[in-house]
C-alpha cells in the first residue's frame, strides 16, 4: 500500500509548495506558540489557500481552549484538528463534536503502557498518531523533538482507527521505521529541517521520494 505522508510544521509558501508537489497527503500547520514552527492565523490562512483539493490541511494544537480553536478556525480552512497535548478522551470527543472536524490524537510513546492507552481514544478520535514521548526537561516540546521511540512496540499491532507513525523520522531511517511497524502513514517535521523550524524543499523532496518507493503493511484503516 502506498505510504501516506504528513509534512508538519510548514511555515513558508515555498515549503508548502514543495510538499504538495512531492505528493504529501497532509500539510501540517502548528498553532503552539512555543514551537519554532508556530504560525499565526493570518500566515496560516495564506498557506492553507495554497493547498489543493485532495490534500488535507491539519492544524496542530496543544491542550487548546475552545476560544482559541474558534479564533483559528474562523480564519484558517482546516480539514483536520490534531491534538498533541494531554487531552483526555472526553475532551477529544468534545472538540470533535463541537467543531465538526475529524480529530487526530497524538499518543506519546516510551513504554508498552503508553501503547496500551491507545484504545481509550479509538471511539473518540478519527485517527491516532504515535509519537515519541518527549524527554523530561523544560526545553522539550510536546512533539517535533527529532526523537524516535522503540518501533518494536507497534509491531504487529492494529487498531480500529487509522494510525500514523511519527517521532524522529527522516529520509535515512524511514524505510527501517516502516518495515519495523508496518505503518502506512507517517509524519515528519524536524527530519526535513536544516535547523529547528526551517524546512528545506530539498529535504522534503528526499523524504517524499523515499516514501514513494516504500510499501507499508496492510491498510490500517480508512484515511482522513
Foldseek 3Di string as FASTA:
>chain_A
DFAAEEAALDQDLVQLVLLVVLPHQEYHAECDVLALSHDDLVSQQVNQVVHDPRRFYEYEDEPDDPVVVVVNVVRHPGQEYEYLYDDFLVNLQVVCVVPVHAYEYEQADADLVSVVCVVRNQVRGQEYEYEHCWDPDPSTDSHDPLAHYDLLSQAPDAGAHQYEYEYNDFLVCPQVSQVNRLHRYYYYYCRQAPDGSHGDSVRSSSNSVSSRPDHGHPGRHDDD
